[in-house]
Amino acid sequence: MDNTTVSIVGAIDDYKFSYGNVNRILGLLQKYYLPFLMVAGSLGNFLSMFVLLTTKMRRSSSSLYLAALAFSDTGFLARTFINWLQHLDIQIANQQVFCQMVSYFAFVFGFLSSW
């Protein structure tokens, strides 16, 4: 082995894997990537619903099914957004009636999306 290989192996051995680094990376992904994914998914779903319901395609039964699927996926993303707000210390989902509604719609939209 030459000196370059030894120094790379030594650098890898010196780096200690810790769960703190993994938790920090996952926390950043959850804080910044998840809202981006929710907004992009909702915009895509609204665009799909618009195209499927306002063009000649609305006469097809498959278009109605896909529009309903886009609606249920948007509902699931909205419910996910409400849970994500807890990372910003906005405790909407912990209020008495709202908690039951969020849980109910989580099941409804989750089952509709997979159905």
Protein backbone atom coordinates (compact mmCIF):
# COMPACT_ATOMS: atom_id res chain seq x y z
CA MET A 1 0.00 0.00 0.00
CA ASP A 2 1.21 3.45 -0.76
CA ASN A 3 1.06 6.45 1.58
CA THR A 4 -2.21 7.76 0.11
CA THR A 5 -4.07 4.54 0.87
CA VAL A 6 -2.71 4.39 4.40
CA SER A 7 -3.75 7.99 5.12
CA ILE A 8 -7.29 7.40 3.83
CA VAL A 9 -7.69 4.21 5.89
CA GLY A 10 -6.27 6.01 8.92
CA ALA A 11 -8.74 8.88 8.47
CA ILE A 12 -11.64 6.46 8.27
CA ASP A 13 -10.46 4.62 11.37
CA ASP A 14 -10.10 7.90 13.26
CA TYR A 15 -13.67 8.93 12.49
CA LYS A 16 -15.93 7.54 15.17
CA PHE A 17 -19.47 6.75 14.19
CA SER A 18 -21.88 8.24 16.67
CA TYR A 19 -25.64 8.28 16.86
CA GLY A 20 -25.52 11.98 17.66
CA ASN A 21 -24.40 12.73 14.11
CA VAL A 22 -27.12 10.53 12.66
CA ASN A 23 -29.79 12.12 14.85
CA ARG A 24 -28.62 15.59 13.84
CA ILE A 25 -28.78 14.72 10.13
CA LEU A 26 -32.23 13.14 10.50
CA GLY A 27 -33.43 16.17 12.45
CA LEU A 28 -32.26 18.51 9.67
CA LEU A 29 -33.93 16.36 7.04
CA GLN A 30 -37.16 16.33 9.01
CA LYS A 31 -37.03 20.07 9.61
CA TYR A 32 -36.22 21.24 6.07
CA TYR A 33 -36.86 18.42 3.58
CA LEU A 34 -40.25 17.32 4.88
CA PRO A 35 -41.97 20.73 4.41
CA PHE A 36 -40.46 21.00 0.92
CA LEU A 37 -41.80 17.55 0.10
CA MET A 38 -45.26 18.45 1.45
CA VAL A 39 -45.47 21.69 -0.54
CA ALA A 40 -44.18 20.11 -3.76
CA GLY A 41 -46.54 17.14 -3.37
CA SER A 42 -49.55 19.35 -2.70
CA LEU A 43 -48.79 21.56 -5.71
CA GLY A 44 -48.41 18.49 -7.90
CA ASN A 45 -51.67 17.04 -6.61
CA PHE A 46 -53.56 20.30 -7.21
CA LEU A 47 -52.15 20.49 -10.71
CA SER A 48 -53.17 16.88 -11.35
CA MET A 49 -56.69 17.51 -10.06
CA PHE A 50 -56.97 20.62 -12.24
CA VAL A 51 -55.88 18.78 -15.38
CA LEU A 52 -57.93 15.67 -14.69
CA LEU A 53 -61.15 17.53 -13.86
CA THR A 54 -61.13 20.49 -16.29
CA THR A 55 -60.01 18.98 -19.59
CA LYS A 56 -61.58 16.44 -21.92
CA MET A 57 -60.14 13.79 -19.63
CA ARG A 58 -62.89 14.38 -17.04
CA ARG A 59 -65.20 12.09 -19.01
CA SER A 60 -63.04 9.08 -18.21
CA SER A 61 -63.73 7.16 -15.03
CA SER A 62 -60.01 6.65 -14.49
CA SER A 63 -59.55 10.44 -14.41
CA LEU A 64 -62.12 10.73 -11.64
CA TYR A 65 -60.37 7.97 -9.72
CA LEU A 66 -56.97 9.64 -10.11
CA ALA A 67 -58.41 13.02 -9.09
CA ALA A 68 -59.88 11.42 -5.95
CA LEU A 69 -56.49 9.83 -5.25
CA ALA A 70 -54.77 13.21 -5.62
CA PHE A 71 -57.33 14.73 -3.22
CA SER A 72 -56.77 12.04 -0.59
CA ASP A 73 -52.99 12.37 -0.94
CA THR A 74 -53.28 16.13 -0.43
CA GLY A 75 -55.34 15.50 2.70
CA PHE A 76 -52.68 13.14 4.00
CA LEU A 77 -49.98 15.74 3.31
CA ALA A 78 -52.04 18.38 5.14
CA ARG A 79 -52.33 16.09 8.15
CA THR A 80 -48.58 15.48 8.01
CA PHE A 81 -48.02 19.25 7.92
CA ILE A 82 -50.09 19.68 11.08
CA ASN A 83 -47.90 17.13 12.84
CA TRP A 84 -44.75 18.80 11.46
CA LEU A 85 -45.77 22.09 13.10
CA GLN A 86 -44.84 20.55 16.45
CA HIS A 87 -41.16 20.96 15.45
CA LEU A 88 -41.81 24.71 15.46
CA ASP A 89 -43.45 24.45 18.90
CA ILE A 90 -46.91 25.06 17.43
CA GLN A 91 -49.05 22.56 19.33
CA ILE A 92 -52.21 22.53 17.21
CA ALA A 93 -52.52 18.75 17.15
CA ASN A 94 -52.53 18.52 20.97
CA GLN A 95 -55.78 20.42 21.52
CA GLN A 96 -58.80 18.46 22.70
CA VAL A 97 -61.12 18.27 19.66
CA PHE A 98 -58.47 18.92 17.05
CA CYS A 99 -56.44 15.91 18.20
CA GLN A 100 -59.33 13.56 17.50
CA MET A 101 -59.97 15.17 14.12
CA VAL A 102 -56.32 14.89 13.08
CA SER A 103 -56.22 11.24 14.14
CA TYR A 104 -59.47 10.47 12.33
CA PHE A 105 -58.37 12.14 9.10
CA ALA A 106 -54.98 10.44 9.32
CA PHE A 107 -56.73 7.08 9.14
CA VAL A 108 -59.26 8.16 6.50
CA PHE A 109 -56.74 9.69 4.11
CA GLY A 110 -54.19 6.95 4.76
CA PHE A 111 -56.70 4.21 3.94
CA LEU A 112 -58.11 6.08 0.94
CA SER A 113 -54.65 6.57 -0.53
CA SER A 114 -53.78 2.90 -0.26
CA TRP A 115 -57.26 1.76 -1.32
